[in-house]
Structure formats: C-alpha cells, structure tokens
C-alpha atoms as a PDB file:
ATOM      1  CA  MET A   1     100.322-103.111 -12.493  1.00  0.00           C
ATOM      2  CA  ASP A   2      96.593-104.141 -11.902  1.00  0.00           C
ATOM      3  CA  GLN A   3      94.814-105.599 -14.897  1.00  0.00           C
ATOM      4  CA  ILE A   4      92.290-103.959 -16.634  1.00  0.00           C
ATOM      5  CA  ASP A   5      89.283-105.961 -17.472  1.00  0.00           C
ATOM      6  CA  LEU A   6      87.435-103.329 -19.183  1.00  0.00           C
ATOM      7  CA  PRO A   7      87.678-101.832 -22.640  1.00  0.00           C
ATOM      8  CA  ILE A   8      89.945 -98.509 -22.969  1.00  0.00           C
ATOM      9  CA  THR A   9      88.058 -96.271 -25.576  1.00  0.00           C
ATOM     10  CA  LEU A  10      88.318 -92.768 -26.837  1.00  0.00           C
ATOM     11  CA  ARG A  11      85.359 -90.359 -27.743  1.00  0.00           C
ATOM     12  CA  LYS A  12      85.664 -86.630 -28.991  1.00  0.00           C
ATOM     13  CA  THR A  13      85.104 -84.875 -25.779  1.00  0.00           C
ATOM     14  CA  THR A  14      81.900 -82.956 -24.953  1.00  0.00           C
ATOM     15  CA  ASN A  15      80.928 -80.225 -22.703  1.00  0.00           C
ATOM     16  CA  ALA A  16      79.329 -82.883 -20.605  1.00  0.00           C
ATOM     17  CA  ASP A  17      82.649 -84.222 -20.076  1.00  0.00           C
ATOM     18  CA  LEU A  18      84.467 -81.100 -18.564  1.00  0.00           C
ATOM     19  CA  GLU A  19      82.798 -81.088 -15.136  1.00  0.00           C
ATOM     20  CA  THR A  20      84.406 -84.704 -14.353  1.00  0.00           C
ATOM     21  CA  LEU A  21      87.578 -83.693 -16.211  1.00  0.00           C
ATOM     22  CA  TYR A  22      87.653 -80.466 -13.860  1.00  0.00           C
ATOM     23  CA  GLN A  23      87.585 -82.520 -10.753  1.00  0.00           C
ATOM     24  CA  PHE A  24      90.391 -84.628 -11.925  1.00  0.00           C
ATOM     25  CA  GLN A  25      92.577 -82.207 -11.963  1.00  0.00           C
ATOM     26  CA  LEU A  26      92.380 -80.353  -8.905  1.00  0.00           C
ATOM     27  CA  ASP A  27      94.444 -83.045  -7.058  1.00  0.00           C
ATOM     28  CA  ALA A  28      97.291 -81.954  -5.338  1.00  0.00           C
ATOM     29  CA  GLU A  29      99.122 -84.840  -6.346  1.00  0.00           C
ATOM     30  CA  ALA A  30      98.788 -85.195  -9.744  1.00  0.00           C
ATOM     31  CA  ASN A  31      98.882 -81.138  -9.957  1.00  0.00           C
ATOM     32  CA  TYR A  32     102.762 -81.784  -8.400  1.00  0.00           C
ATOM     33  CA  LEU A  33     103.705 -84.404 -10.656  1.00  0.00           C
ATOM     34  CA  VAL A  34     102.289 -82.467 -13.943  1.00  0.00           C
ATOM     35  CA  ALA A  35     103.856 -79.396 -12.915  1.00  0.00           C
ATOM     36  CA  PHE A  36     103.146 -76.669 -15.641  1.00  0.00           C
ATOM     37  CA  THR A  37      99.749 -76.173 -15.006  1.00  0.00           C
ATOM     38  CA  PRO A  38      97.827 -73.371 -15.976  1.00  0.00           C
ATOM     39  CA  THR A  39      96.930 -70.401 -13.172  1.00  0.00           C
ATOM     40  CA  GLU A  40      93.585 -70.637 -13.749  1.00  0.00           C
ATOM     41  CA  ASN A  41      92.924 -74.411 -13.184  1.00  0.00           C
ATOM     42  CA  ALA A  42      91.435 -74.071  -9.759  1.00  0.00           C
ATOM     43  CA  ASP A  43      88.805 -71.442 -10.684  1.00  0.00           C
ATOM     44  CA  ARG A  44      85.602 -73.854 -12.416  1.00  0.00           C
ATOM     45  CA  GLU A  45      84.172 -71.298 -14.034  1.00  0.00           C
ATOM     46  CA  ALA A  46      87.325 -70.070 -16.100  1.00  0.00           C
ATOM     47  CA  TYR A  47      88.445 -73.896 -16.721  1.00  0.00           C
ATOM     48  CA  LEU A  48      84.807 -74.819 -18.173  1.00  0.00           C
ATOM     49  CA  LYS A  49      85.158 -71.437 -20.368  1.00  0.00           C
ATOM     50  CA  LYS A  50      88.392 -72.286 -21.496  1.00  0.00           C
ATOM     51  CA  HIS A  51      88.092 -75.726 -22.089  1.00  0.00           C
ATOM     52  CA  SER A  52      84.595 -75.515 -23.872  1.00  0.00           C
ATOM     53  CA  LYS A  53      86.265 -73.141 -26.586  1.00  0.00           C
ATOM     54  CA  PHE A  54      88.708 -75.867 -27.642  1.00  0.00           C
ATOM     55  CA  LEU A  55      86.001 -78.375 -28.411  1.00  0.00           C
ATOM     56  CA  ASP A  56      85.431 -76.857 -31.403  1.00  0.00           C
ATOM     57  CA  ASP A  57      89.047 -75.533 -32.327  1.00  0.00           C
ATOM     58  CA  ALA A  58      89.957 -76.969 -35.619  1.00  0.00           C
ATOM     59  CA  ASP A  59      93.855 -76.692 -34.380  1.00  0.00           C
ATOM     60  CA  LYS A  60      92.782 -78.947 -31.086  1.00  0.00           C
ATOM     61  CA  ASN A  61      92.304 -82.859 -30.876  1.00  0.00           C
ATOM     62  CA  THR A  62      90.472 -83.296 -27.507  1.00  0.00           C
ATOM     63  CA  GLN A  63      89.375 -86.799 -26.485  1.00  0.00           C
ATOM     64  CA  THR A  64      87.921 -88.288 -23.312  1.00  0.00           C
ATOM     65  CA  ILE A  65      89.581 -91.529 -21.776  1.00  0.00           C
ATOM     66  CA  LEU A  66      86.838 -94.022 -20.967  1.00  0.00           C
ATOM     67  CA  LEU A  67      87.103 -97.047 -19.368  1.00  0.00           C
ATOM     68  CA  GLY A  68      83.998 -99.220 -20.133  1.00  0.00           C
ATOM     69  CA  ASP A  69      81.568 -96.395 -19.567  1.00  0.00           C
ATOM     70  CA  THR A  70      83.275 -94.393 -16.796  1.00  0.00           C
ATOM     71  CA  ILE A  71      85.116 -91.267 -17.754  1.00  0.00           C
ATOM     72  CA  VAL A  72      88.990 -91.780 -16.399  1.00  0.00           C
ATOM     73  CA  GLY A  73      90.643 -88.950 -18.083  1.00  0.00           C
ATOM     74  CA  SER A  74      91.903 -87.189 -21.348  1.00  0.00           C
ATOM     75  CA  VAL A  75      94.005 -86.785 -24.163  1.00  0.00           C
ATOM     76  CA  ALA A  76      94.588 -83.920 -26.692  1.00  0.00           C
ATOM     77  CA  LYS A  77      96.845 -82.779 -29.295  1.00  0.00           C
ATOM     78  CA  PHE A  78      97.168 -78.774 -29.614  1.00  0.00           C
ATOM     79  CA  GLU A  79      99.526 -76.285 -30.972  1.00  0.00           C
ATOM     80  CA  ARG A  80     101.730 -74.152 -29.761  1.00  0.00           C
ATOM     81  CA  GLU A  81     104.109 -71.862 -31.276  1.00  0.00           C
ATOM     82  CA  GLY A  82     103.530 -73.614 -34.553  1.00  0.00           C
ATOM     83  CA  ASP A  83     104.385 -77.082 -33.150  1.00  0.00           C
ATOM     84  CA  ASN A  84     101.975 -80.062 -32.632  1.00  0.00           C
ATOM     85  CA  GLU A  85     101.986 -80.817 -28.644  1.00  0.00           C
ATOM     86  CA  ILE A  86      99.880 -83.311 -26.743  1.00  0.00           C
ATOM     87  CA  THR A  87      98.648 -83.699 -23.524  1.00  0.00           C
ATOM     88  CA  TYR A  88      97.081 -86.247 -21.280  1.00  0.00           C
ATOM     89  CA  TRP A  89      95.335 -86.690 -17.594  1.00  0.00           C
ATOM     90  CA  ILE A  90      94.344 -89.661 -16.022  1.00  0.00           C
ATOM     91  CA  ASP A  91      92.253 -89.605 -13.003  1.00  0.00           C
ATOM     92  CA  LYS A  92      94.861 -90.552 -10.029  1.00  0.00           C
ATOM     93  CA  LYS A  93      92.768 -93.281  -9.040  1.00  0.00           C
ATOM     94  CA  TYR A  94      93.385 -95.106 -12.097  1.00  0.00           C
ATOM     95  CA  TRP A  95      97.178 -94.637 -12.255  1.00  0.00           C
ATOM     96  CA  GLY A  96      99.539 -97.686 -12.613  1.00  0.00           C
ATOM     97  CA  LYS A  97      96.919 -99.494 -14.670  1.00  0.00           C
ATOM     98  CA  GLY A  98      98.253 -98.885 -17.952  1.00  0.00           C
ATOM     99  CA  ILE A  99      95.466 -96.675 -19.098  1.00  0.00           C
ATOM    100  CA  ALA A 100      97.667 -93.987 -20.300  1.00  0.00           C
ATOM    101  CA  THR A 101      99.537 -95.867 -22.231  1.00  0.00           C
ATOM    102  CA  ILE A 102      96.704 -97.530 -24.072  1.00  0.00           C
ATOM    103  CA  ALA A 103      94.879 -94.375 -24.295  1.00  0.00           C
ATOM    104  CA  LEU A 104      97.988 -92.450 -26.040  1.00  0.00           C
ATOM    105  CA  GLN A 105      98.779 -95.393 -28.212  1.00  0.00           C
ATOM    106  CA  LYS A 106      94.931 -95.218 -29.603  1.00  0.00           C
ATOM    107  CA  PHE A 107      95.032 -91.437 -29.606  1.00  0.00           C
ATOM    108  CA  LEU A 108      98.333 -91.208 -31.838  1.00  0.00           C
ATOM    109  CA  GLN A 109      96.318 -93.761 -34.248  1.00  0.00           C
ATOM    110  CA  ILE A 110      93.759 -91.042 -34.657  1.00  0.00           C
ATOM    111  CA  GLU A 111      95.685 -88.278 -34.462  1.00  0.00           C
ATOM    112  CA  THR A 112      98.273 -88.386 -37.182  1.00  0.00           C
ATOM    113  CA  ALA A 113     100.135 -84.983 -37.180  1.00  0.00           C
ATOM    114  CA  ARG A 114     103.954 -85.264 -37.075  1.00  0.00           C
ATOM    115  CA  PRO A 115     106.297 -84.445 -35.574  1.00  0.00           C
ATOM    116  CA  ILE A 116     104.341 -83.826 -32.260  1.00  0.00           C
ATOM    117  CA  PHE A 117     106.109 -83.193 -29.169  1.00  0.00           C
ATOM    118  CA  ALA A 118     105.248 -83.665 -25.363  1.00  0.00           C
ATOM    119  CA  SER A 119     106.686 -82.667 -22.194  1.00  0.00           C
ATOM    120  CA  ALA A 120     107.090 -84.220 -18.659  1.00  0.00           C
ATOM    121  CA  ALA A 121     108.370 -82.867 -15.438  1.00  0.00           C
ATOM    122  CA  PHE A 122     112.160 -84.367 -14.905  1.00  0.00           C
ATOM    123  CA  ASP A 123     110.698 -86.309 -11.545  1.00  0.00           C
ATOM    124  CA  ASN A 124     107.435 -87.449 -13.396  1.00  0.00           C
ATOM    125  CA  MET A 125     108.703 -90.893 -14.181  1.00  0.00           C
ATOM    126  CA  GLY A 126     105.371 -92.128 -14.861  1.00  0.00           C
ATOM    127  CA  SER A 127     104.384 -89.812 -17.812  1.00  0.00           C
ATOM    128  CA  ARG A 128     108.127 -90.422 -19.121  1.00  0.00           C
ATOM    129  CA  SER A 129     107.321 -93.992 -19.155  1.00  0.00           C
ATOM    130  CA  VAL A 130     104.223 -93.651 -21.134  1.00  0.00           C
ATOM    131  CA  LEU A 131     105.329 -91.289 -23.662  1.00  0.00           C
ATOM    132  CA  GLU A 132     108.675 -93.486 -24.089  1.00  0.00           C
ATOM    133  CA  LYS A 133     106.394 -96.681 -24.455  1.00  0.00           C
ATOM    134  CA  CYS A 134     104.309 -94.796 -27.019  1.00  0.00           C
ATOM    135  CA  GLY A 135     107.537 -94.294 -29.256  1.00  0.00           C
ATOM    136  CA  PHE A 136     108.326 -90.910 -28.082  1.00  0.00           C
ATOM    137  CA  VAL A 137     112.206 -89.868 -28.059  1.00  0.00           C
ATOM    138  CA  LYS A 138     113.792 -87.491 -25.768  1.00  0.00           C
ATOM    139  CA  ILE A 139     115.378 -84.554 -27.593  1.00  0.00           C
ATOM    140  CA  GLY A 140     116.243 -82.420 -24.849  1.00  0.00           C
ATOM    141  CA  THR A 141     115.352 -80.436 -21.631  1.00  0.00           C
ATOM    142  CA  ASP A 142     114.209 -76.864 -20.731  1.00  0.00           C
ATOM    143  CA  LYS A 143     113.848 -75.156 -17.119  1.00  0.00           C
ATOM    144  CA  GLY A 144     110.537 -73.088 -16.585  1.00  0.00           C
ATOM    145  CA  PHE A 145     108.502 -71.765 -13.938  1.00  0.00           C
ATOM    146  CA  ALA A 146     105.914 -74.649 -12.523  1.00  0.00           C
ATOM    147  CA  ASN A 147     102.961 -73.352 -11.322  1.00  0.00           C
ATOM    148  CA  ALA A 148     101.887 -76.164  -9.483  1.00  0.00           C
ATOM    149  CA  ARG A 149     104.927 -76.084  -7.241  1.00  0.00           C
ATOM    150  CA  GLN A 150     105.898 -72.171  -7.722  1.00  0.00           C
ATOM    151  CA  VAL A 151     109.684 -73.058  -8.269  1.00  0.00           C
ATOM    152  CA  GLU A 152     111.686 -73.543 -11.508  1.00  0.00           C
ATOM    153  CA  VAL A 153     111.533 -77.065 -12.774  1.00  0.00           C
ATOM    154  CA  GLU A 154     113.326 -78.903 -15.443  1.00  0.00           C
ATOM    155  CA  GLU A 155     111.083 -80.354 -17.894  1.00  0.00           C
ATOM    156  CA  VAL A 156     112.139 -83.401 -20.497  1.00  0.00           C
ATOM    157  CA  ILE A 157     111.236 -82.635 -23.957  1.00  0.00           C
ATOM    158  CA  TYR A 158     109.976 -85.537 -26.030  1.00  0.00           C
ATOM    159  CA  LYS A 159     109.398 -86.084 -30.034  1.00  0.00           C
ATOM    160  CA  LEU A 160     107.586 -88.445 -32.318  1.00  0.00           C
ATOM    161  CA  ASP A 161     108.082 -88.212 -35.897  1.00  0.00           C
END
C-alpha cells in the first residue's frame, strides 16, 4: 500500500461535487467490481438529477471524500426497506492506498445510525476488506442480477451494530 501524505477528510456533498463523482463511476473496471449499479449511471443528466435530490434528503447522509483539496470519492448512508445501508466509491487511481478504510472509519463516527448494513460482490475483495477493517461482520449472502455484469452475482451482506 502506498503511503498517503495528505489528510483524508469528509464534507457534506454539494451539487458542485456531483460532476466529479459522476466521472468516477463511469470506470468500467470499478463498475465490474461494484457489480450492483443502477441502470441510469451512464446517463449524466439522470445521474445528476437523481443525486442532487439526495443532498437535501434527511434519510441520506452523503459525504465527499477529500485527499487534501482533491475529491477522491464519496460515502453515504441511505435507507432501503427500513434498513440503514452504506455505500462508498473511490476514484480508481486512489485504490489500494487505505483511503476507503480511513474515510469509512471517519464516516461511521459522524453517522451513528445502527445497525447499518453493507454489501459487496463476492469477488470484490478490496471492498470486503474495507468493511471488515471497519468492524462490519459478514451475516450472509444473497444473489441478484448485477447490472454492470449482466449476470446474477453473489453478494456478501455485512452488518455493523
């Protein structure tokens, strides 16, 4: 793992951040690893419209991850079927540097909703490692259609109490 010399901080995501975050999620390799992506992510206008609505939603906590002054990703809490869940995305050029782990640890200090769930494709070992380092415990698996792969994929379900 490369050493990070700049501070990793979080701040509330703004509309101005969304274009950068949109560009990150277009990466084909990242989409493959994430697997369970929305169908409209390639549509810039749909992405910006959808995500701008999230910024003022009291049920969501969306934070931009900064390395120094550079946007390197995002982390968010949302609700699905009454459960709190987290999601995060790191720009591929910053993978393997510990940024996701540090950012998620910081996020979990400000987002205190518990229990909180997360999931990762069975073969996304980087994301699974981040979750486990942050105290999430594997509680099961599920299968679902993975948009980014166009096949059914197993996902690992995690929980943090």
